[in-house]
Amino acid sequence: MRNKIFLLPLLCLFAGSKTKAQFSKGDRMAGTSVASFIFNSGTADINVSQIGSNSSTVKNFNIAITPSLGWFISDNTAVGFVLNINRTGQKTTYEQTGSTYQSDKSNGLNIGGGGFARSYFGKTGSFLPFGQATVNAGASNLKTEGFYYYPGGVPYFKDTYTGKSNGGFFFNGTLAAGLTKMMGENAGLDFFLGYTYSSSNNTFKRTKLFYSTNTATTPSETRENETTTKFTNHGFQLGIGFQVFLRKNKK
């Protein structure tokens, strides 16, 4: 029984290996993709005073939903629209002698749309190679919060802050190459590798509270400022997607 369960994904992958897939002008394709970054190159500057032995922990998540709908404008090329919903979060903490003296947390939400163009390089068979270009842009929202306890003894004090932005902007562009494994005439699995460029711009207001002691509940000073963040990223992307092909009516 265990061997049968292990072989089931392989049977699904190679099922329909004799399927002949051919697209026609006027066919439609609807699908979505789930991607994970395997390499990223970004920039970040963090300055921390080294007082004794300390450590840092970073936790983050990234959830993206990208449904798309396209039309074949020829027998091997499709163009269409893509929706982008991206939820992100990150928390960084700094510890010294078992106690957390600094925490920085951020949560972001991107909602936007764009377009794509996909060209297939084969007309028949169960594995169809393709190239695809995608661009999308939209609104970006960011929330931040954190605290800092002075870890060096006297003077004992703490800072806390909260921040929120509205009206931010993001842009993503991707060039990818991959294969569609046809699972019959009207469905396929995408496997792709691509290069992604992304940028975002957020302006948010931050409120910082200063406490004269680390046990005080009432702040002795309140400060407000407006911060603008600009971020760019270059990355390589490995992804899996699912497509449904809606054939035009045949006479």
C-alpha atoms as a PDB file:
ATOM      1  CA  MET A   1       0.000   0.000   0.000  1.00  0.00           C
ATOM      2  CA  ARG A   2       2.815   2.408   0.875  1.00  0.00           C
ATOM      3  CA  ASN A   3       4.485   1.788  -2.514  1.00  0.00           C
ATOM      4  CA  LYS A   4       1.200   2.473  -4.305  1.00  0.00           C
ATOM      5  CA  ILE A   5       0.818   5.798  -2.508  1.00  0.00           C
ATOM      6  CA  PHE A   6       4.408   6.743  -3.392  1.00  0.00           C
ATOM      7  CA  LEU A   7       3.862   5.939  -7.076  1.00  0.00           C
ATOM      8  CA  LEU A   8       0.613   7.901  -7.366  1.00  0.00           C
ATOM      9  CA  PRO A   9       2.241  11.350  -7.997  1.00  0.00           C
ATOM     10  CA  LEU A  10       4.474   9.818 -10.681  1.00  0.00           C
ATOM     11  CA  LEU A  11       1.506   8.218 -12.391  1.00  0.00           C
ATOM     12  CA  CYS A  12      -0.313  11.568 -12.373  1.00  0.00           C
ATOM     13  CA  LEU A  13       2.723  13.375 -13.794  1.00  0.00           C
ATOM     14  CA  PHE A  14       3.220  11.018 -16.711  1.00  0.00           C
ATOM     15  CA  ALA A  15      -0.417  10.238 -17.329  1.00  0.00           C
ATOM     16  CA  GLY A  16      -1.428  11.263 -20.797  1.00  0.00           C
ATOM     17  CA  SER A  17       2.123  11.096 -22.136  1.00  0.00           C
ATOM     18  CA  LYS A  18       0.649  10.377 -25.538  1.00  0.00           C
ATOM     19  CA  THR A  19      -1.621  13.412 -25.413  1.00  0.00           C
ATOM     20  CA  LYS A  20      -1.377  15.648 -28.430  1.00  0.00           C
ATOM     21  CA  ALA A  21      -1.950  19.238 -27.444  1.00  0.00           C
ATOM     22  CA  GLN A  22      -2.486  21.874 -30.090  1.00  0.00           C
ATOM     23  CA  PHE A  23      -3.741  25.376 -29.457  1.00  0.00           C
ATOM     24  CA  SER A  24      -5.713  27.502 -31.883  1.00  0.00           C
ATOM     25  CA  LYS A  25      -6.309  31.201 -32.254  1.00  0.00           C
ATOM     26  CA  GLY A  26      -9.267  32.128 -30.077  1.00  0.00           C
ATOM     27  CA  ASP A  27      -8.624  29.523 -27.360  1.00  0.00           C
ATOM     28  CA  ARG A  28      -8.498  30.824 -23.789  1.00  0.00           C
ATOM     29  CA  MET A  29      -6.311  29.900 -20.828  1.00  0.00           C
ATOM     30  CA  ALA A  30      -7.085  30.477 -17.149  1.00  0.00           C
ATOM     31  CA  GLY A  31      -4.773  29.605 -14.288  1.00  0.00           C
ATOM     32  CA  THR A  32      -2.698  30.576 -11.308  1.00  0.00           C
ATOM     33  CA  SER A  33       0.876  30.107 -10.115  1.00  0.00           C
ATOM     34  CA  VAL A  34       2.645  29.597  -6.809  1.00  0.00           C
ATOM     35  CA  ALA A  35       6.303  30.651  -6.766  1.00  0.00           C
ATOM     36  CA  SER A  36       9.147  30.518  -4.248  1.00  0.00           C
ATOM     37  CA  PHE A  37      12.371  32.520  -4.381  1.00  0.00           C
ATOM     38  CA  ILE A  38      15.478  30.373  -4.369  1.00  0.00           C
ATOM     39  CA  PHE A  39      17.920  33.304  -4.539  1.00  0.00           C
ATOM     40  CA  ASN A  40      17.570  36.984  -3.695  1.00  0.00           C
ATOM     41  CA  SER A  41      19.885  39.970  -3.841  1.00  0.00           C
ATOM     42  CA  GLY A  42      18.782  43.054  -1.923  1.00  0.00           C
ATOM     43  CA  THR A  43      20.252  45.853   0.158  1.00  0.00           C
ATOM     44  CA  ALA A  44      19.729  46.652   3.864  1.00  0.00           C
ATOM     45  CA  ASP A  45      21.664  48.765   6.364  1.00  0.00           C
ATOM     46  CA  ILE A  46      21.355  47.930  10.098  1.00  0.00           C
ATOM     47  CA  ASN A  47      23.521  49.465  12.816  1.00  0.00           C
ATOM     48  CA  VAL A  48      23.400  47.877  16.297  1.00  0.00           C
ATOM     49  CA  SER A  49      25.571  48.879  19.266  1.00  0.00           C
ATOM     50  CA  GLN A  50      27.473  45.828  20.470  1.00  0.00           C
ATOM     51  CA  ILE A  51      27.141  45.659  24.239  1.00  0.00           C
ATOM     52  CA  GLY A  52      28.163  42.223  25.420  1.00  0.00           C
ATOM     53  CA  SER A  53      27.067  39.052  23.650  1.00  0.00           C
ATOM     54  CA  ASN A  54      23.839  39.310  21.635  1.00  0.00           C
ATOM     55  CA  SER A  55      21.976  37.461  18.891  1.00  0.00           C
ATOM     56  CA  SER A  56      19.341  38.214  16.281  1.00  0.00           C
ATOM     57  CA  THR A  57      16.393  36.191  14.947  1.00  0.00           C
ATOM     58  CA  VAL A  58      14.488  36.898  11.726  1.00  0.00           C
ATOM     59  CA  LYS A  59      11.125  35.340  10.835  1.00  0.00           C
ATOM     60  CA  ASN A  60       9.229  36.141   7.654  1.00  0.00           C
ATOM     61  CA  PHE A  61       6.492  34.899   5.345  1.00  0.00           C
ATOM     62  CA  ASN A  62       5.357  35.637   1.797  1.00  0.00           C
ATOM     63  CA  ILE A  63       2.018  34.504   0.340  1.00  0.00           C
ATOM     64  CA  ALA A  64       1.176  35.354  -3.278  1.00  0.00           C
ATOM     65  CA  ILE A  65      -1.930  34.604  -5.353  1.00  0.00           C
ATOM     66  CA  THR A  66      -1.677  35.393  -9.072  1.00  0.00           C
ATOM     67  CA  PRO A  67      -4.716  34.254 -11.090  1.00  0.00           C
ATOM     68  CA  SER A  68      -4.604  34.979 -14.826  1.00  0.00           C
ATOM     69  CA  LEU A  69      -6.822  34.866 -17.907  1.00  0.00           C
ATOM     70  CA  GLY A  70      -5.520  34.956 -21.476  1.00  0.00           C
ATOM     71  CA  TRP A  71      -6.450  34.503 -25.112  1.00  0.00           C
ATOM     72  CA  PHE A  72      -4.468  32.887 -27.900  1.00  0.00           C
ATOM     73  CA  ILE A  73      -3.859  35.456 -30.628  1.00  0.00           C
ATOM     74  CA  SER A  74      -2.167  32.799 -32.768  1.00  0.00           C
ATOM     75  CA  ASP A  75      -1.683  29.039 -32.601  1.00  0.00           C
ATOM     76  CA  ASN A  76       1.233  29.390 -30.152  1.00  0.00           C
ATOM     77  CA  THR A  77       1.034  32.864 -28.519  1.00  0.00           C
ATOM     78  CA  ALA A  78      -1.330  34.015 -25.779  1.00  0.00           C
ATOM     79  CA  VAL A  79      -1.746  37.414 -24.108  1.00  0.00           C
ATOM     80  CA  GLY A  80      -3.878  38.314 -21.128  1.00  0.00           C
ATOM     81  CA  PHE A  81      -4.393  39.835 -17.716  1.00  0.00           C
ATOM     82  CA  VAL A  82      -3.004  38.860 -14.325  1.00  0.00           C
ATOM     83  CA  LEU A  83      -4.158  39.772 -10.802  1.00  0.00           C
ATOM     84  CA  ASN A  84      -1.587  40.106  -8.019  1.00  0.00           C
ATOM     85  CA  ILE A  85      -2.392  39.674  -4.314  1.00  0.00           C
ATOM     86  CA  ASN A  86       0.709  39.496  -2.127  1.00  0.00           C
ATOM     87  CA  ARG A  87       0.825  39.324   1.688  1.00  0.00           C
ATOM     88  CA  THR A  88       4.187  39.665   3.449  1.00  0.00           C
ATOM     89  CA  GLY A  89       5.441  39.832   6.993  1.00  0.00           C
ATOM     90  CA  GLN A  90       8.737  40.002   8.843  1.00  0.00           C
ATOM     91  CA  LYS A  91       9.781  40.113  12.477  1.00  0.00           C
ATOM     92  CA  THR A  92      13.329  40.755  13.679  1.00  0.00           C
ATOM     93  CA  THR A  93      14.309  40.416  17.331  1.00  0.00           C
ATOM     94  CA  TYR A  94      17.582  41.065  19.169  1.00  0.00           C
ATOM     95  CA  GLU A  95      18.441  39.195  22.366  1.00  0.00           C
ATOM     96  CA  GLN A  96      21.075  39.632  25.040  1.00  0.00           C
ATOM     97  CA  THR A  97      21.624  37.226  27.968  1.00  0.00           C
ATOM     98  CA  GLY A  98      18.292  35.554  27.207  1.00  0.00           C
ATOM     99  CA  SER A  99      16.206  38.759  27.107  1.00  0.00           C
ATOM    100  CA  THR A 100      14.780  40.499  24.040  1.00  0.00           C
ATOM    101  CA  TYR A 101      15.778  44.156  24.044  1.00  0.00           C
ATOM    102  CA  GLN A 102      14.658  45.099  20.530  1.00  0.00           C
ATOM    103  CA  SER A 103      11.861  43.959  18.215  1.00  0.00           C
ATOM    104  CA  ASP A 104      10.897  45.217  14.755  1.00  0.00           C
ATOM    105  CA  LYS A 105       7.794  43.891  13.011  1.00  0.00           C
ATOM    106  CA  SER A 106       6.298  44.753   9.627  1.00  0.00           C
ATOM    107  CA  ASN A 107       3.312  43.500   7.606  1.00  0.00           C
ATOM    108  CA  GLY A 108       2.649  44.426   3.987  1.00  0.00           C
ATOM    109  CA  LEU A 109      -0.141  43.928   1.463  1.00  0.00           C
ATOM    110  CA  ASN A 110       0.155  44.473  -2.299  1.00  0.00           C
ATOM    111  CA  ILE A 111      -2.898  44.398  -4.577  1.00  0.00           C
ATOM    112  CA  GLY A 112      -2.555  45.100  -8.280  1.00  0.00           C
ATOM    113  CA  GLY A 113      -2.866  43.866 -11.811  1.00  0.00           C
ATOM    114  CA  GLY A 114      -1.002  43.698 -15.089  1.00  0.00           C
ATOM    115  CA  GLY A 115      -0.511  41.741 -18.256  1.00  0.00           C
ATOM    116  CA  PHE A 116       1.424  38.813 -19.674  1.00  0.00           C
ATOM    117  CA  ALA A 117       2.496  37.368 -22.996  1.00  0.00           C
ATOM    118  CA  ARG A 118       3.301  33.669 -23.406  1.00  0.00           C
ATOM    119  CA  SER A 119       4.695  31.918 -26.469  1.00  0.00           C
ATOM    120  CA  TYR A 120       4.822  28.128 -26.858  1.00  0.00           C
ATOM    121  CA  PHE A 121       7.637  26.603 -28.904  1.00  0.00           C
ATOM    122  CA  GLY A 122       5.879  23.315 -29.619  1.00  0.00           C
ATOM    123  CA  LYS A 123       2.435  22.462 -30.931  1.00  0.00           C
ATOM    124  CA  THR A 124       2.128  18.764 -30.075  1.00  0.00           C
ATOM    125  CA  GLY A 125       3.226  16.413 -27.311  1.00  0.00           C
ATOM    126  CA  SER A 126       2.633  16.264 -23.569  1.00  0.00           C
ATOM    127  CA  PHE A 127       5.557  18.578 -22.606  1.00  0.00           C
ATOM    128  CA  LEU A 128       5.327  22.023 -24.210  1.00  0.00           C
ATOM    129  CA  PRO A 129       8.194  24.529 -23.667  1.00  0.00           C
ATOM    130  CA  PHE A 130       7.276  28.201 -23.352  1.00  0.00           C
ATOM    131  CA  GLY A 131       8.640  31.655 -22.630  1.00  0.00           C
ATOM    132  CA  GLN A 132       6.663  34.298 -20.751  1.00  0.00           C
ATOM    133  CA  ALA A 133       6.956  37.979 -19.847  1.00  0.00           C
ATOM    134  CA  THR A 134       4.810  39.468 -17.078  1.00  0.00           C
ATOM    135  CA  VAL A 135       4.468  42.986 -15.666  1.00  0.00           C
ATOM    136  CA  ASN A 136       2.163  44.187 -12.908  1.00  0.00           C
ATOM    137  CA  ALA A 137       1.779  47.184 -10.635  1.00  0.00           C
ATOM    138  CA  GLY A 138      -0.577  48.358  -7.933  1.00  0.00           C
ATOM    139  CA  ALA A 139      -1.173  49.706  -4.450  1.00  0.00           C
ATOM    140  CA  SER A 140       1.029  48.870  -1.486  1.00  0.00           C
ATOM    141  CA  ASN A 141       0.205  49.079   2.223  1.00  0.00           C
ATOM    142  CA  LEU A 142       2.682  48.705   5.086  1.00  0.00           C
ATOM    143  CA  LYS A 143       2.317  48.548   8.879  1.00  0.00           C
ATOM    144  CA  THR A 144       5.201  48.529  11.357  1.00  0.00           C
ATOM    145  CA  GLU A 145       5.636  48.286  15.107  1.00  0.00           C
ATOM    146  CA  GLY A 146       8.447  47.657  17.538  1.00  0.00           C
ATOM    147  CA  PHE A 147      10.206  48.445  20.786  1.00  0.00           C
ATOM    148  CA  TYR A 148      13.691  49.007  22.180  1.00  0.00           C
ATOM    149  CA  TYR A 149      14.863  48.488  25.779  1.00  0.00           C
ATOM    150  CA  TYR A 150      18.240  49.968  26.653  1.00  0.00           C
ATOM    151  CA  PRO A 151      20.295  46.822  27.433  1.00  0.00           C
ATOM    152  CA  GLY A 152      23.287  48.439  29.119  1.00  0.00           C
ATOM    153  CA  GLY A 153      21.905  49.169  32.567  1.00  0.00           C
ATOM    154  CA  VAL A 154      21.584  52.769  33.816  1.00  0.00           C
ATOM    155  CA  PRO A 155      19.896  54.807  32.401  1.00  0.00           C
ATOM    156  CA  TYR A 156      16.919  52.467  32.142  1.00  0.00           C
ATOM    157  CA  PHE A 157      14.512  53.538  29.388  1.00  0.00           C
ATOM    158  CA  LYS A 158      12.482  52.130  26.523  1.00  0.00           C
ATOM    159  CA  ASP A 159      11.082  53.280  23.170  1.00  0.00           C
ATOM    160  CA  THR A 160       8.055  51.951  21.307  1.00  0.00           C
ATOM    161  CA  TYR A 161       6.797  52.867  17.854  1.00  0.00           C
ATOM    162  CA  THR A 162       3.957  52.207  15.427  1.00  0.00           C
ATOM    163  CA  GLY A 163       3.719  53.148  11.759  1.00  0.00           C
ATOM    164  CA  LYS A 164       1.176  52.894   8.965  1.00  0.00           C
ATOM    165  CA  SER A 165       1.133  53.809   5.301  1.00  0.00           C
ATOM    166  CA  ASN A 166      -1.522  54.190   2.646  1.00  0.00           C
ATOM    167  CA  GLY A 167      -1.216  54.944  -1.042  1.00  0.00           C
ATOM    168  CA  GLY A 168       2.091  53.143  -1.614  1.00  0.00           C
ATOM    169  CA  PHE A 169       3.089  51.823  -5.040  1.00  0.00           C
ATOM    170  CA  PHE A 170       4.803  48.663  -6.305  1.00  0.00           C
ATOM    171  CA  PHE A 171       5.999  47.310  -9.657  1.00  0.00           C
ATOM    172  CA  ASN A 172       7.080  43.790 -10.654  1.00  0.00           C
ATOM    173  CA  GLY A 173       8.506  42.450 -13.905  1.00  0.00           C
ATOM    174  CA  THR A 174       9.337  38.803 -14.694  1.00  0.00           C
ATOM    175  CA  LEU A 175      10.956  36.939 -17.588  1.00  0.00           C
ATOM    176  CA  ALA A 176      10.487  33.172 -17.331  1.00  0.00           C
ATOM    177  CA  ALA A 177      11.041  29.963 -19.278  1.00  0.00           C
ATOM    178  CA  GLY A 178       9.310  26.700 -18.532  1.00  0.00           C
ATOM    179  CA  LEU A 179       7.348  23.629 -19.539  1.00  0.00           C
ATOM    180  CA  THR A 180       3.639  22.862 -19.526  1.00  0.00           C
ATOM    181  CA  LYS A 181       2.903  19.208 -18.739  1.00  0.00           C
ATOM    182  CA  MET A 182      -0.445  18.504 -20.408  1.00  0.00           C
ATOM    183  CA  MET A 183      -2.839  16.514 -18.229  1.00  0.00           C
ATOM    184  CA  GLY A 184      -5.266  15.811 -21.034  1.00  0.00           C
ATOM    185  CA  GLU A 185      -6.540  18.183 -23.703  1.00  0.00           C
ATOM    186  CA  ASN A 186      -7.812  20.953 -21.433  1.00  0.00           C
ATOM    187  CA  ALA A 187      -5.478  21.126 -18.406  1.00  0.00           C
ATOM    188  CA  GLY A 188      -1.768  21.433 -17.740  1.00  0.00           C
ATOM    189  CA  LEU A 189       0.854  21.899 -15.028  1.00  0.00           C
ATOM    190  CA  ASP A 190       3.447  24.667 -15.453  1.00  0.00           C
ATOM    191  CA  PHE A 191       7.046  24.332 -14.236  1.00  0.00           C
ATOM    192  CA  PHE A 192       9.113  27.473 -14.726  1.00  0.00           C
ATOM    193  CA  LEU A 193      12.290  29.327 -13.801  1.00  0.00           C
ATOM    194  CA  GLY A 194      12.602  33.070 -14.192  1.00  0.00           C
ATOM    195  CA  TYR A 195      14.229  36.370 -13.312  1.00  0.00           C
ATOM    196  CA  THR A 196      12.199  38.912 -11.319  1.00  0.00           C
ATOM    197  CA  TYR A 197      12.707  42.621 -10.735  1.00  0.00           C
ATOM    198  CA  SER A 198      10.562  44.354  -8.133  1.00  0.00           C
ATOM    199  CA  SER A 199      10.375  47.802  -6.591  1.00  0.00           C
ATOM    200  CA  SER A 200       8.136  49.471  -4.034  1.00  0.00           C
ATOM    201  CA  ASN A 201       7.656  52.933  -2.590  1.00  0.00           C
ATOM    202  CA  ASN A 202       5.929  53.652   0.718  1.00  0.00           C
ATOM    203  CA  THR A 203       5.446  56.814   2.737  1.00  0.00           C
ATOM    204  CA  PHE A 204       4.180  56.183   6.234  1.00  0.00           C
ATOM    205  CA  LYS A 205       3.693  58.097   9.426  1.00  0.00           C
ATOM    206  CA  ARG A 206       5.366  56.769  12.550  1.00  0.00           C
ATOM    207  CA  THR A 207       4.610  57.584  16.167  1.00  0.00           C
ATOM    208  CA  LYS A 208       7.390  56.989  18.688  1.00  0.00           C
ATOM    209  CA  LEU A 209       6.840  56.943  22.450  1.00  0.00           C
ATOM    210  CA  PHE A 210       9.701  57.476  24.910  1.00  0.00           C
ATOM    211  CA  TYR A 211       9.517  56.088  28.466  1.00  0.00           C
ATOM    212  CA  SER A 212      11.968  57.301  31.120  1.00  0.00           C
ATOM    213  CA  THR A 213      12.035  53.839  32.757  1.00  0.00           C
ATOM    214  CA  ASN A 214      11.545  50.403  31.265  1.00  0.00           C
ATOM    215  CA  THR A 215       8.602  49.708  33.597  1.00  0.00           C
ATOM    216  CA  ALA A 216       6.726  52.975  33.002  1.00  0.00           C
ATOM    217  CA  THR A 217       3.237  52.777  31.478  1.00  0.00           C
ATOM    218  CA  THR A 218       2.877  56.466  30.608  1.00  0.00           C
ATOM    219  CA  PRO A 219       5.251  57.953  28.002  1.00  0.00           C
ATOM    220  CA  SER A 220       7.244  61.010  28.964  1.00  0.00           C
ATOM    221  CA  GLU A 221       7.632  62.120  25.338  1.00  0.00           C
ATOM    222  CA  THR A 222       5.829  61.520  22.030  1.00  0.00           C
ATOM    223  CA  ARG A 223       7.409  62.070  18.638  1.00  0.00           C
ATOM    224  CA  GLU A 224       5.885  61.802  15.172  1.00  0.00           C
ATOM    225  CA  ASN A 225       7.634  61.721  11.816  1.00  0.00           C
ATOM    226  CA  GLU A 226       6.999  60.777   8.212  1.00  0.00           C
ATOM    227  CA  THR A 227       9.284  58.211   6.598  1.00  0.00           C
ATOM    228  CA  THR A 228       9.624  57.292   2.926  1.00  0.00           C
ATOM    229  CA  THR A 229      11.010  53.862   2.051  1.00  0.00           C
ATOM    230  CA  LYS A 230      12.142  52.745  -1.387  1.00  0.00           C
ATOM    231  CA  PHE A 231      13.085  49.127  -2.026  1.00  0.00           C
ATOM    232  CA  THR A 232      14.338  47.279  -5.100  1.00  0.00           C
ATOM    233  CA  ASN A 233      15.025  43.576  -5.475  1.00  0.00           C
ATOM    234  CA  HIS A 234      16.502  41.271  -8.115  1.00  0.00           C
ATOM    235  CA  GLY A 235      15.737  37.585  -7.768  1.00  0.00           C
ATOM    236  CA  PHE A 236      15.476  34.217  -9.448  1.00  0.00           C
ATOM    237  CA  GLN A 237      12.181  32.420  -9.191  1.00  0.00           C
ATOM    238  CA  LEU A 238      11.225  28.752  -9.301  1.00  0.00           C
ATOM    239  CA  GLY A 239       7.517  28.098  -9.637  1.00  0.00           C
ATOM    240  CA  ILE A 240       4.660  25.720 -10.319  1.00  0.00           C
ATOM    241  CA  GLY A 241       1.359  26.711 -11.875  1.00  0.00           C
ATOM    242  CA  PHE A 242      -1.879  25.212 -13.121  1.00  0.00           C
ATOM    243  CA  GLN A 243      -3.627  26.086 -16.381  1.00  0.00           C
ATOM    244  CA  VAL A 244      -7.059  25.295 -17.803  1.00  0.00           C
ATOM    245  CA  PHE A 245      -7.407  25.628 -21.579  1.00  0.00           C
ATOM    246  CA  LEU A 246     -10.860  26.583 -22.835  1.00  0.00           C
ATOM    247  CA  ARG A 247     -11.180  25.640 -26.466  1.00  0.00           C
ATOM    248  CA  LYS A 248     -13.157  27.755 -28.870  1.00  0.00           C
ATOM    249  CA  ASN A 249     -16.231  26.174 -30.370  1.00  0.00           C
ATOM    250  CA  LYS A 250     -15.304  23.807 -33.148  1.00  0.00           C
ATOM    251  CA  LYS A 251     -17.545  23.418 -36.145  1.00  0.00           C
END
